[in-house]
Amino acid sequence: MVTPLIGGIAVAAAAYAGRYSIQAWQAFKARPPTARLRKFYEGGFQSTMTRREAALKLGVRESTPTDKVREAHRRVMVANHPDAGGSHYLASKINEAKDILLGRTKGTGSAF
């Protein structure tokens, strides 16, 4: 008598857990998209790069010390280096951003 009762309780518990799982999955799929935090700047390039845009490209603040700027430049260049499948254009913009933040601006900017 006890064995069928335990079996019935186990089946009912599994059914409730399955129902809850389906409802939770449907609620998860129906939720509105949220803004995700992005690590790097997503935007177009301005005609002449400003300090603000350079800082956004490297993911640092405008007042970041030079060693942190170099570290951020290295991190972004590893992800976008032309030898690793990155774009020459992006590499030149990343280098231009580093030069602007370090105070070494070169006339017109990038080579492109």
Protein backbone atom coordinates (compact mmCIF):
# COMPACT_ATOMS: atom_id res chain seq x y z
CA MET A 1 0.00 0.00 0.00
CA VAL A 2 2.86 2.38 0.78
CA THR A 3 4.77 1.69 -2.47
CA PRO A 4 1.98 2.89 -4.85
CA LEU A 5 1.52 5.97 -2.69
CA ILE A 6 5.23 6.87 -2.89
CA GLY A 7 5.21 6.19 -6.64
CA GLY A 8 2.20 8.48 -7.11
CA ILE A 9 3.84 11.26 -5.12
CA ALA A 10 7.03 10.91 -7.20
CA VAL A 11 5.07 11.09 -10.48
CA ALA A 12 3.15 14.16 -9.26
CA ALA A 13 6.38 15.87 -8.16
CA ALA A 14 7.98 15.17 -11.56
CA ALA A 15 4.91 16.56 -13.34
CA TYR A 16 4.93 19.76 -11.27
CA ALA A 17 8.70 20.19 -11.80
CA GLY A 18 8.27 19.72 -15.56
CA ARG A 19 5.39 22.21 -15.66
CA TYR A 20 7.41 24.76 -13.70
CA SER A 21 10.42 24.26 -15.99
CA ILE A 22 8.33 24.84 -19.12
CA GLN A 23 6.77 27.99 -17.65
CA ALA A 24 10.16 29.33 -16.57
CA TRP A 25 11.64 28.69 -20.02
CA GLN A 26 8.74 30.45 -21.77
CA ALA A 27 9.08 33.43 -19.43
CA PHE A 28 12.82 33.54 -20.10
CA LYS A 29 12.30 33.52 -23.89
CA ALA A 30 9.57 36.20 -23.71
CA ARG A 31 11.56 38.70 -21.64
CA PRO A 32 12.51 41.93 -23.41
CA PRO A 33 16.10 42.29 -24.54
CA THR A 34 18.26 44.12 -22.04
CA ALA A 35 21.20 46.34 -22.70
CA ARG A 36 24.36 44.33 -22.28
CA LEU A 37 27.55 45.86 -21.01
CA ARG A 38 30.05 46.02 -23.81
CA LYS A 39 33.76 45.96 -23.29
CA PHE A 40 34.81 48.10 -26.24
CA TYR A 41 33.39 51.15 -27.99
CA GLU A 42 30.77 50.44 -30.66
CA GLY A 43 30.38 53.38 -32.94
CA GLY A 44 31.58 55.07 -36.06
CA PHE A 45 34.71 57.11 -36.44
CA GLN A 46 34.68 60.90 -36.38
CA SER A 47 36.63 62.81 -39.02
CA THR A 48 39.27 63.84 -36.47
CA MET A 49 39.64 61.74 -33.36
CA THR A 50 39.08 63.49 -30.05
CA ARG A 51 40.47 62.47 -26.66
CA ARG A 52 37.01 61.25 -25.70
CA GLU A 53 36.72 59.02 -28.76
CA ALA A 54 40.28 57.74 -28.25
CA ALA A 55 39.49 56.83 -24.64
CA LEU A 56 36.31 55.04 -25.73
CA LYS A 57 38.18 53.06 -28.38
CA LEU A 58 40.71 51.80 -25.84
CA GLY A 59 38.18 51.31 -23.04
CA VAL A 60 39.83 53.71 -20.60
CA ARG A 61 39.09 57.15 -19.15
CA GLU A 62 40.55 60.30 -20.65
CA SER A 63 42.65 60.89 -17.52
CA THR A 64 44.16 57.38 -17.39
CA PRO A 65 47.91 57.18 -16.64
CA THR A 66 50.24 56.35 -19.52
CA ASP A 67 51.07 52.83 -18.34
CA LYS A 68 47.36 51.94 -18.24
CA VAL A 69 46.89 53.44 -21.72
CA ARG A 70 49.72 51.27 -23.06
CA GLU A 71 48.24 48.21 -21.36
CA ALA A 72 44.78 48.92 -22.82
CA HIS A 73 46.33 49.52 -26.26
CA ARG A 74 48.11 46.19 -26.11
CA ARG A 75 44.90 44.39 -25.06
CA VAL A 76 42.83 45.91 -27.89
CA MET A 77 45.58 45.38 -30.48
CA VAL A 78 45.87 41.69 -29.61
CA ALA A 79 42.18 41.33 -30.49
CA ASN A 80 42.41 43.42 -33.69
CA HIS A 81 45.93 42.96 -35.03
CA PRO A 82 46.15 42.52 -38.82
CA ASP A 83 48.48 39.51 -38.47
CA ALA A 84 45.76 37.77 -36.44
CA GLY A 85 42.99 38.44 -38.96
CA GLY A 86 42.16 41.99 -37.88
CA SER A 87 41.73 45.03 -40.05
CA HIS A 88 44.59 47.36 -40.99
CA TYR A 89 42.15 50.25 -40.75
CA LEU A 90 41.11 49.38 -37.19
CA ALA A 91 44.73 48.85 -36.20
CA SER A 92 45.62 52.32 -37.46
CA LYS A 93 42.69 53.84 -35.54
CA ILE A 94 43.71 52.02 -32.36
CA ASN A 95 47.28 53.28 -32.76
CA GLU A 96 45.96 56.80 -33.39
CA ALA A 97 43.87 56.57 -30.20
CA LYS A 98 46.95 55.56 -28.21
CA ASP A 99 48.98 58.43 -29.70
CA ILE A 100 46.27 60.97 -28.85
CA LEU A 101 45.97 59.78 -25.25
CA LEU A 102 49.76 59.78 -24.83
CA GLY A 103 50.01 63.27 -26.32
CA ARG A 104 51.82 62.24 -29.49
CA THR A 105 49.41 63.45 -32.16
CA LYS A 106 50.60 63.21 -35.74
CA GLY A 107 49.10 65.89 -37.97
CA THR A 108 46.13 64.42 -39.83
CA GLY A 109 45.70 61.19 -37.89
CA SER A 110 45.53 57.70 -39.34
CA ALA A 111 47.02 56.53 -42.61
CA PHE A 112 43.58 55.99 -44.11
